[in-house]
């Protein structure tokens, strides 16, 4: 894998209960709503579950995601292709935390920050 090793840990406050945050992170239709800059592979089931593999594209860069953990308050994705690493999400009432580590040519911290801000915006608009 070409690129540099990058780590990013971000936690934000959001005005949403844990159940709404969970819905936005584990349901594919909601993911598509706030990750609108990414294209998702066809045939994605309604809800993410362990063992599921899918691909997203950020411009021409494909990133394969394998769901390792999908629970009521956490999601862990193993990443390959455009990012070789993992992405963990944890959440509770009023907060979301994201941990991203991997080797990539992409600016991971920038993408992670923009994604979290977009998630917050979508959660706020639902209230």
N, C-alpha and C. Protein backbone atom coordinates (compact mmCIF):
# COMPACT_ATOMS: atom_id res chain seq x y z
N UNK A 1 0.85 -1.18 0.00
CA UNK A 1 0.00 0.00 0.00
C UNK A 1 0.89 1.23 0.00
N UNK A 2 0.60 2.13 -0.89
CA UNK A 2 1.31 3.40 -0.95
C UNK A 2 0.65 4.41 -0.02
N UNK A 3 1.43 5.30 0.53
CA UNK A 3 0.90 6.33 1.39
C UNK A 3 1.65 6.40 2.70
N UNK A 4 1.10 7.15 3.61
CA UNK A 4 1.71 7.30 4.92
C UNK A 4 0.73 6.80 5.99
N UNK A 5 1.31 6.36 7.10
CA UNK A 5 0.49 5.92 8.23
C UNK A 5 -0.10 7.16 8.89
N UNK A 6 -1.40 7.15 9.09
CA UNK A 6 -2.11 8.28 9.68
C UNK A 6 -3.04 7.78 10.78
N UNK A 7 -3.21 8.61 11.81
CA UNK A 7 -4.14 8.32 12.90
C UNK A 7 -4.97 9.57 13.17
N UNK A 8 -6.22 9.38 13.46
CA UNK A 8 -7.07 10.51 13.78
C UNK A 8 -8.14 10.05 14.77
N UNK A 9 -8.29 10.78 15.85
CA UNK A 9 -9.29 10.51 16.87
C UNK A 9 -10.10 11.79 17.06
N UNK A 10 -11.39 11.71 16.82
CA UNK A 10 -12.25 12.88 16.98
C UNK A 10 -13.49 12.51 17.76
N UNK A 11 -13.94 13.44 18.59
CA UNK A 11 -15.18 13.27 19.35
C UNK A 11 -15.94 14.58 19.27
N UNK A 12 -17.23 14.49 18.94
CA UNK A 12 -18.04 15.70 18.85
C UNK A 12 -19.30 15.52 19.67
N UNK A 13 -19.86 16.63 20.08
CA UNK A 13 -21.16 16.63 20.73
C UNK A 13 -22.22 16.84 19.67
N UNK A 14 -23.32 16.12 19.81
CA UNK A 14 -24.44 16.25 18.88
C UNK A 14 -25.73 16.31 19.68
N UNK A 15 -26.71 16.99 19.16
CA UNK A 15 -28.00 17.09 19.84
C UNK A 15 -28.89 15.97 19.34
N UNK A 16 -28.56 14.74 19.75
CA UNK A 16 -29.35 13.57 19.32
C UNK A 16 -29.17 12.45 20.33
N UNK A 17 -30.23 11.67 20.53
CA UNK A 17 -30.11 10.51 21.41
C UNK A 17 -29.34 9.38 20.72
N UNK A 18 -28.88 8.45 21.53
CA UNK A 18 -28.10 7.32 21.04
C UNK A 18 -28.83 6.55 19.94
N UNK A 19 -30.13 6.39 20.06
CA UNK A 19 -30.89 5.61 19.08
C UNK A 19 -30.86 6.26 17.69
N UNK A 20 -30.94 7.56 17.63
CA UNK A 20 -30.91 8.28 16.35
C UNK A 20 -29.50 8.21 15.75
N UNK A 21 -28.49 8.35 16.58
CA UNK A 21 -27.11 8.24 16.10
C UNK A 21 -26.87 6.84 15.54
N UNK A 22 -27.31 5.82 16.28
CA UNK A 22 -27.15 4.44 15.82
C UNK A 22 -27.81 4.24 14.46
N UNK A 23 -28.99 4.76 14.29
CA UNK A 23 -29.71 4.62 13.01
C UNK A 23 -28.90 5.24 11.87
N UNK A 24 -28.28 6.38 12.12
CA UNK A 24 -27.51 7.06 11.08
C UNK A 24 -26.19 6.37 10.76
N UNK A 25 -25.67 5.57 11.68
CA UNK A 25 -24.40 4.89 11.45
C UNK A 25 -24.57 3.45 10.97
N UNK A 26 -25.67 2.80 11.30
CA UNK A 26 -25.84 1.39 10.97
C UNK A 26 -26.83 1.11 9.84
N UNK A 27 -27.61 2.10 9.42
CA UNK A 27 -28.58 1.89 8.34
C UNK A 27 -28.06 2.52 7.04
N UNK A 28 -28.01 1.73 6.00
CA UNK A 28 -27.37 2.16 4.76
C UNK A 28 -28.05 3.38 4.13
N UNK A 29 -29.37 3.49 4.21
CA UNK A 29 -30.04 4.65 3.62
C UNK A 29 -29.61 5.94 4.34
N UNK A 30 -29.45 5.87 5.65
CA UNK A 30 -29.02 7.04 6.40
C UNK A 30 -27.55 7.36 6.12
N UNK A 31 -26.73 6.33 5.99
CA UNK A 31 -25.32 6.56 5.65
C UNK A 31 -25.21 7.32 4.33
N UNK A 32 -25.98 6.88 3.35
CA UNK A 32 -25.96 7.55 2.04
C UNK A 32 -26.38 9.01 2.15
N UNK A 33 -27.26 9.29 3.09
CA UNK A 33 -27.79 10.66 3.26
C UNK A 33 -26.70 11.62 3.73
N UNK A 34 -25.93 11.22 4.74
CA UNK A 34 -24.93 12.17 5.24
C UNK A 34 -23.54 11.98 4.64
N UNK A 35 -23.29 10.85 4.00
CA UNK A 35 -22.04 10.65 3.27
C UNK A 35 -22.30 10.82 1.77
N UNK A 36 -23.00 11.89 1.42
CA UNK A 36 -23.45 12.10 0.05
C UNK A 36 -22.31 12.30 -0.94
N UNK A 37 -21.11 12.63 -0.50
CA UNK A 37 -19.99 12.77 -1.43
C UNK A 37 -19.41 11.42 -1.85
N UNK A 38 -19.77 10.37 -1.15
CA UNK A 38 -19.27 9.03 -1.47
C UNK A 38 -20.34 8.24 -2.22
N UNK A 39 -19.88 7.43 -3.16
CA UNK A 39 -20.77 6.49 -3.84
C UNK A 39 -20.63 5.14 -3.16
N UNK A 40 -21.74 4.43 -3.00
CA UNK A 40 -21.76 3.13 -2.35
C UNK A 40 -22.01 2.03 -3.37
N UNK A 41 -21.45 0.85 -3.13
CA UNK A 41 -21.70 -0.28 -4.00
C UNK A 41 -23.17 -0.66 -3.96
N UNK A 42 -23.65 -1.27 -5.03
CA UNK A 42 -25.04 -1.70 -5.13
C UNK A 42 -25.29 -2.91 -4.22
N UNK A 43 -26.53 -3.09 -3.86
CA UNK A 43 -26.92 -4.27 -3.10
C UNK A 43 -26.63 -4.21 -1.62
N UNK A 44 -26.38 -3.02 -1.10
CA UNK A 44 -26.12 -2.88 0.33
C UNK A 44 -27.40 -3.15 1.11
N UNK A 45 -27.37 -4.06 2.11
CA UNK A 45 -28.60 -4.33 2.88
C UNK A 45 -29.02 -3.12 3.70
N UNK A 46 -30.22 -3.19 4.22
CA UNK A 46 -30.76 -2.07 5.00
C UNK A 46 -29.90 -1.74 6.21
N UNK A 47 -29.38 -2.77 6.88
CA UNK A 47 -28.59 -2.54 8.09
C UNK A 47 -27.24 -3.23 7.98
N UNK A 48 -26.20 -2.54 8.45
CA UNK A 48 -24.86 -3.12 8.47
C UNK A 48 -24.80 -4.22 9.52
N UNK A 49 -24.06 -5.28 9.22
CA UNK A 49 -23.93 -6.40 10.15
C UNK A 49 -22.54 -7.00 10.01
N UNK A 50 -22.03 -7.67 11.06
CA UNK A 50 -20.70 -8.28 10.98
C UNK A 50 -20.59 -9.23 9.79
N UNK A 51 -19.45 -9.15 9.11
CA UNK A 51 -19.19 -9.98 7.94
C UNK A 51 -19.55 -9.32 6.63
N UNK A 52 -20.35 -8.26 6.66
CA UNK A 52 -20.74 -7.55 5.44
C UNK A 52 -19.53 -6.85 4.83
N UNK A 53 -19.38 -6.96 3.52
CA UNK A 53 -18.32 -6.25 2.80
C UNK A 53 -18.97 -5.38 1.73
N UNK A 54 -18.57 -4.12 1.67
CA UNK A 54 -19.07 -3.22 0.64
C UNK A 54 -17.96 -2.23 0.27
N UNK A 55 -18.18 -1.53 -0.83
CA UNK A 55 -17.18 -0.60 -1.34
C UNK A 55 -17.80 0.79 -1.46
N UNK A 56 -17.01 1.80 -1.13
CA UNK A 56 -17.39 3.18 -1.40
C UNK A 56 -16.32 3.79 -2.29
N UNK A 57 -16.69 4.85 -2.99
CA UNK A 57 -15.75 5.58 -3.83
C UNK A 57 -15.78 7.04 -3.45
N UNK A 58 -14.60 7.59 -3.22
CA UNK A 58 -14.43 9.01 -3.03
C UNK A 58 -13.69 9.49 -4.28
N UNK A 59 -14.45 10.07 -5.19
CA UNK A 59 -13.88 10.35 -6.51
C UNK A 59 -13.50 9.03 -7.16
N UNK A 60 -12.27 8.93 -7.66
CA UNK A 60 -11.85 7.68 -8.32
C UNK A 60 -11.28 6.63 -7.35
N UNK A 61 -11.18 6.98 -6.07
CA UNK A 61 -10.54 6.09 -5.10
C UNK A 61 -11.58 5.17 -4.45
N UNK A 62 -11.37 3.85 -4.63
CA UNK A 62 -12.26 2.85 -4.02
C UNK A 62 -11.73 2.48 -2.64
N UNK A 63 -12.65 2.35 -1.69
CA UNK A 63 -12.31 1.91 -0.34
C UNK A 63 -13.24 0.76 0.01
N UNK A 64 -12.65 -0.40 0.29
CA UNK A 64 -13.46 -1.55 0.68
C UNK A 64 -13.60 -1.56 2.19
N UNK A 65 -14.83 -1.82 2.65
CA UNK A 65 -15.16 -1.85 4.08
C UNK A 65 -15.65 -3.25 4.42
N UNK A 66 -15.11 -3.81 5.49
CA UNK A 66 -15.62 -5.09 6.01
C UNK A 66 -16.07 -4.82 7.44
N UNK A 67 -17.35 -5.04 7.71
CA UNK A 67 -17.91 -4.78 9.03
C UNK A 67 -17.43 -5.89 9.97
N UNK A 68 -16.65 -5.49 10.96
CA UNK A 68 -16.15 -6.44 11.95
C UNK A 68 -17.07 -6.48 13.17
N UNK A 69 -17.55 -5.31 13.61
CA UNK A 69 -18.44 -5.19 14.77
C UNK A 69 -19.54 -4.20 14.43
N UNK A 70 -20.78 -4.55 14.73
CA UNK A 70 -21.91 -3.64 14.57
C UNK A 70 -22.84 -3.90 15.75
N UNK A 71 -22.79 -3.01 16.75
CA UNK A 71 -23.58 -3.18 17.97
C UNK A 71 -24.37 -1.91 18.25
N UNK A 72 -25.07 -1.89 19.37
CA UNK A 72 -25.95 -0.77 19.67
C UNK A 72 -25.21 0.54 19.92
N UNK A 73 -23.92 0.47 20.24
CA UNK A 73 -23.17 1.71 20.49
C UNK A 73 -21.78 1.73 19.85
N UNK A 74 -21.51 0.79 18.93
CA UNK A 74 -20.20 0.82 18.27
C UNK A 74 -20.25 0.13 16.91
N UNK A 75 -19.34 0.57 16.05
CA UNK A 75 -19.18 0.03 14.70
C UNK A 75 -17.70 0.01 14.41
N UNK A 76 -17.20 -1.13 13.91
CA UNK A 76 -15.78 -1.23 13.54
C UNK A 76 -15.72 -1.77 12.13
N UNK A 77 -15.02 -1.00 11.27
CA UNK A 77 -14.86 -1.36 9.87
C UNK A 77 -13.39 -1.58 9.56
N UNK A 78 -13.08 -2.71 8.93
CA UNK A 78 -11.73 -2.93 8.43
C UNK A 78 -11.69 -2.38 7.01
N UNK A 79 -10.67 -1.61 6.69
CA UNK A 79 -10.58 -0.92 5.41
C UNK A 79 -9.44 -1.47 4.57
N UNK A 80 -9.66 -1.51 3.25
CA UNK A 80 -8.59 -1.91 2.33
C UNK A 80 -8.77 -1.14 1.02
N UNK A 81 -7.83 -1.30 0.14
CA UNK A 81 -7.72 -0.61 -1.15
C UNK A 81 -7.24 0.82 -0.91
N UNK A 82 -8.09 1.84 -1.00
CA UNK A 82 -7.65 3.23 -0.87
C UNK A 82 -7.14 3.61 0.50
N UNK A 83 -7.59 2.88 1.52
CA UNK A 83 -7.11 3.03 2.90
C UNK A 83 -6.87 1.63 3.43
N UNK A 84 -5.71 1.39 3.97
CA UNK A 84 -5.41 0.09 4.54
C UNK A 84 -5.36 0.26 6.05
N UNK A 85 -6.47 -0.04 6.73
CA UNK A 85 -6.52 0.17 8.17
C UNK A 85 -7.89 -0.13 8.73
N UNK A 86 -8.37 0.70 9.67
CA UNK A 86 -9.68 0.49 10.28
C UNK A 86 -10.31 1.80 10.69
N UNK A 87 -11.62 1.76 10.87
CA UNK A 87 -12.39 2.92 11.32
C UNK A 87 -13.35 2.44 12.39
N UNK A 88 -13.25 3.01 13.58
CA UNK A 88 -14.13 2.66 14.70
C UNK A 88 -15.02 3.84 15.03
N UNK A 89 -16.26 3.54 15.33
CA UNK A 89 -17.23 4.53 15.77
C UNK A 89 -17.79 4.09 17.12
N UNK A 90 -17.91 5.04 18.04
CA UNK A 90 -18.59 4.82 19.32
C UNK A 90 -19.54 6.00 19.52
N UNK A 91 -20.67 5.76 20.19
CA UNK A 91 -21.62 6.84 20.39
C UNK A 91 -22.47 6.58 21.63
N UNK A 92 -23.06 7.68 22.08
CA UNK A 92 -23.98 7.64 23.22
C UNK A 92 -24.90 8.83 23.11
N UNK A 93 -25.72 9.07 24.12
CA UNK A 93 -26.62 10.22 24.08
C UNK A 93 -25.80 11.51 24.03
N UNK A 94 -25.89 12.22 22.92
CA UNK A 94 -25.26 13.53 22.79
C UNK A 94 -23.81 13.54 22.32
N UNK A 95 -23.24 12.41 21.91
CA UNK A 95 -21.85 12.42 21.46
C UNK A 95 -21.57 11.29 20.45
N UNK A 96 -20.57 11.54 19.61
CA UNK A 96 -20.08 10.55 18.65
C UNK A 96 -18.56 10.63 18.66
N UNK A 97 -17.91 9.49 18.66
CA UNK A 97 -16.45 9.42 18.64
C UNK A 97 -16.02 8.56 17.45
N UNK A 98 -15.00 9.02 16.75
CA UNK A 98 -14.51 8.31 15.58
C UNK A 98 -13.00 8.15 15.69
N UNK A 99 -12.53 6.93 15.42
CA UNK A 99 -11.10 6.64 15.44
C UNK A 99 -10.74 6.00 14.11
N UNK A 100 -9.81 6.62 13.41
CA UNK A 100 -9.43 6.17 12.07
C UNK A 100 -7.92 6.01 12.03
N UNK A 101 -7.46 4.83 11.63
CA UNK A 101 -6.02 4.58 11.47
C UNK A 101 -5.81 3.84 10.17
N UNK A 102 -4.78 4.23 9.45
CA UNK A 102 -4.50 3.51 8.23
C UNK A 102 -3.39 4.14 7.42
N UNK A 103 -3.03 3.42 6.39
CA UNK A 103 -2.04 3.88 5.42
C UNK A 103 -2.81 4.30 4.18
N UNK A 104 -2.57 5.52 3.73
CA UNK A 104 -3.28 6.04 2.57
C UNK A 104 -2.59 7.28 2.02
N UNK A 105 -2.88 7.55 0.75
CA UNK A 105 -2.47 8.82 0.16
C UNK A 105 -3.50 9.91 0.46
N UNK A 106 -4.71 9.49 0.85
CA UNK A 106 -5.78 10.44 1.16
C UNK A 106 -5.51 11.15 2.48
N UNK A 107 -5.94 12.41 2.63
CA UNK A 107 -5.81 13.12 3.91
C UNK A 107 -6.91 12.65 4.87
N UNK A 108 -6.63 11.62 5.66
CA UNK A 108 -7.66 10.97 6.48
C UNK A 108 -8.29 11.90 7.49
N UNK A 109 -7.50 12.74 8.16
CA UNK A 109 -8.06 13.62 9.18
C UNK A 109 -9.05 14.61 8.58
N UNK A 110 -8.74 15.13 7.41
CA UNK A 110 -9.64 16.07 6.75
C UNK A 110 -10.96 15.39 6.39
N UNK A 111 -10.89 14.22 5.79
CA UNK A 111 -12.10 13.49 5.43
C UNK A 111 -12.92 13.12 6.64
N UNK A 112 -12.26 12.69 7.71
CA UNK A 112 -12.95 12.32 8.94
C UNK A 112 -13.65 13.53 9.56
N UNK A 113 -12.97 14.65 9.59
CA UNK A 113 -13.56 15.88 10.14
C UNK A 113 -14.79 16.30 9.35
N UNK A 114 -14.67 16.31 8.03
CA UNK A 114 -15.81 16.70 7.19
C UNK A 114 -16.98 15.73 7.37
N UNK A 115 -16.70 14.45 7.48
CA UNK A 115 -17.76 13.46 7.69
C UNK A 115 -18.48 13.68 9.01
N UNK A 116 -17.74 13.92 10.07
CA UNK A 116 -18.36 14.14 11.38
C UNK A 116 -19.20 15.42 11.39
N UNK A 117 -18.71 16.46 10.73
CA UNK A 117 -19.49 17.70 10.66
C UNK A 117 -20.76 17.49 9.86
N UNK A 118 -20.68 16.72 8.79
CA UNK A 118 -21.87 16.42 7.99
C UNK A 118 -22.86 15.57 8.79
N UNK A 119 -22.36 14.60 9.55
CA UNK A 119 -23.22 13.79 10.41
C UNK A 119 -23.93 14.68 11.42
N UNK A 120 -23.19 15.56 12.05
CA UNK A 120 -23.80 16.48 13.03
C UNK A 120 -24.89 17.32 12.38
N UNK A 121 -24.61 17.82 11.19
CA UNK A 121 -25.59 18.63 10.47
C UNK A 121 -26.87 17.83 10.19
N UNK A 122 -26.71 16.59 9.74
CA UNK A 122 -27.89 15.76 9.46
C UNK A 122 -28.66 15.43 10.74
N UNK A 123 -27.95 15.15 11.82
CA UNK A 123 -28.62 14.85 13.09
C UNK A 123 -29.38 16.07 13.61
N UNK A 124 -28.80 17.24 13.45
CA UNK A 124 -29.44 18.48 13.91
C UNK A 124 -30.68 18.77 13.08
N UNK A 125 -30.61 18.51 11.79
CA UNK A 125 -31.77 18.82 10.92
C UNK A 125 -32.94 17.89 11.19
N UNK A 126 -32.70 16.72 11.80
CA UNK A 126 -33.77 15.77 12.13
C UNK A 126 -34.53 16.20 13.38
N UNK A 127 -33.92 17.02 14.21
CA UNK A 127 -34.55 17.38 15.49
C UNK A 127 -35.64 18.40 15.28
